């Protein structure tokens, strides 16, 4: 999965085993889960969230913008 590969590269500085142990904790893996997560943190009073692209595809930014607009 694209997200797993990104996280492995990103977390590699902590060691391969640490990265592998953290992978199952990342559960926002679809558009609907991202919507649900953003709503949940909004409902908790969060007013700022930083989203990090996991690819170099410019279209990813547009896809996320559409998800956010639907909140």
Protein backbone atom coordinates (compact mmCIF):
# COMPACT_ATOMS: atom_id res chain seq x y z
CA UNK A 1 0.00 0.00 0.00
CA UNK A 2 1.23 3.49 -0.86
CA UNK A 3 0.75 4.80 2.68
CA UNK A 4 2.70 1.92 4.21
CA UNK A 5 5.64 2.50 1.86
CA UNK A 6 5.61 6.21 2.62
CA UNK A 7 5.56 5.56 6.38
CA UNK A 8 8.38 3.04 6.12
CA UNK A 9 10.54 5.64 4.36
CA UNK A 10 9.47 8.44 6.69
CA UNK A 11 9.95 6.48 9.93
CA UNK A 12 13.11 4.67 8.83
CA UNK A 13 15.28 6.97 10.96
CA UNK A 14 13.72 5.33 14.05
CA UNK A 15 14.68 1.85 12.89
CA UNK A 16 12.88 -0.66 10.72
CA UNK A 17 11.19 -2.48 13.59
CA UNK A 18 9.79 0.73 15.08
CA UNK A 19 8.39 1.71 11.68
CA UNK A 20 6.78 -1.72 11.23
CA UNK A 21 5.26 -1.53 14.72
CA UNK A 22 3.75 1.88 14.00
CA UNK A 23 2.18 0.98 10.64
CA UNK A 24 -0.93 -0.69 12.13
CA UNK A 25 -1.65 2.46 14.14
CA UNK A 26 -2.25 4.50 10.98
CA UNK A 27 -5.91 3.86 10.22
CA UNK A 28 -6.83 6.84 8.04
CA UNK A 29 -6.48 4.98 4.76
CA UNK A 30 -9.47 6.12 2.70
CA UNK A 31 -11.36 9.27 1.81
CA UNK A 32 -14.18 8.34 4.19
CA UNK A 33 -11.77 7.65 7.05
CA UNK A 34 -10.07 11.00 6.42
CA UNK A 35 -13.48 12.74 6.56
CA UNK A 36 -14.35 10.90 9.77
CA UNK A 37 -10.98 11.73 11.36
CA UNK A 38 -11.17 15.41 10.43
CA UNK A 39 -14.72 15.64 11.79
CA UNK A 40 -13.66 13.92 15.00
CA UNK A 41 -10.73 16.27 15.63
CA UNK A 42 -12.91 19.26 14.73
CA UNK A 43 -15.52 18.09 17.23
CA UNK A 44 -12.77 17.91 19.86
CA UNK A 45 -12.06 21.59 19.28
CA UNK A 46 -9.06 21.33 16.99
CA UNK A 47 -8.81 24.33 14.72
CA UNK A 48 -5.72 23.34 12.75
CA UNK A 49 -4.58 20.07 11.18
CA UNK A 50 -1.47 19.50 9.11
CA UNK A 51 -1.92 16.96 6.32
CA UNK A 52 1.20 15.55 4.68
CA UNK A 53 1.03 14.27 1.09
CA UNK A 54 2.29 10.72 0.69
CA UNK A 55 3.03 10.98 -3.02
CA UNK A 56 4.51 13.46 -5.44
CA UNK A 57 1.25 13.53 -7.41
CA UNK A 58 -0.16 17.07 -7.52
CA UNK A 59 -3.65 15.56 -7.90
CA UNK A 60 -3.43 14.33 -4.31
CA UNK A 61 -3.77 17.90 -3.09
CA UNK A 62 -6.91 18.35 -5.21
CA UNK A 63 -8.41 15.11 -3.89
CA UNK A 64 -7.84 16.16 -0.29
CA UNK A 65 -9.24 19.64 -1.01
CA UNK A 66 -12.45 18.01 -2.26
CA UNK A 67 -12.69 15.93 0.92
CA UNK A 68 -12.19 18.98 3.12
CA UNK A 69 -14.71 21.04 1.15
CA UNK A 70 -17.32 18.37 1.88
CA UNK A 71 -17.01 18.81 5.63
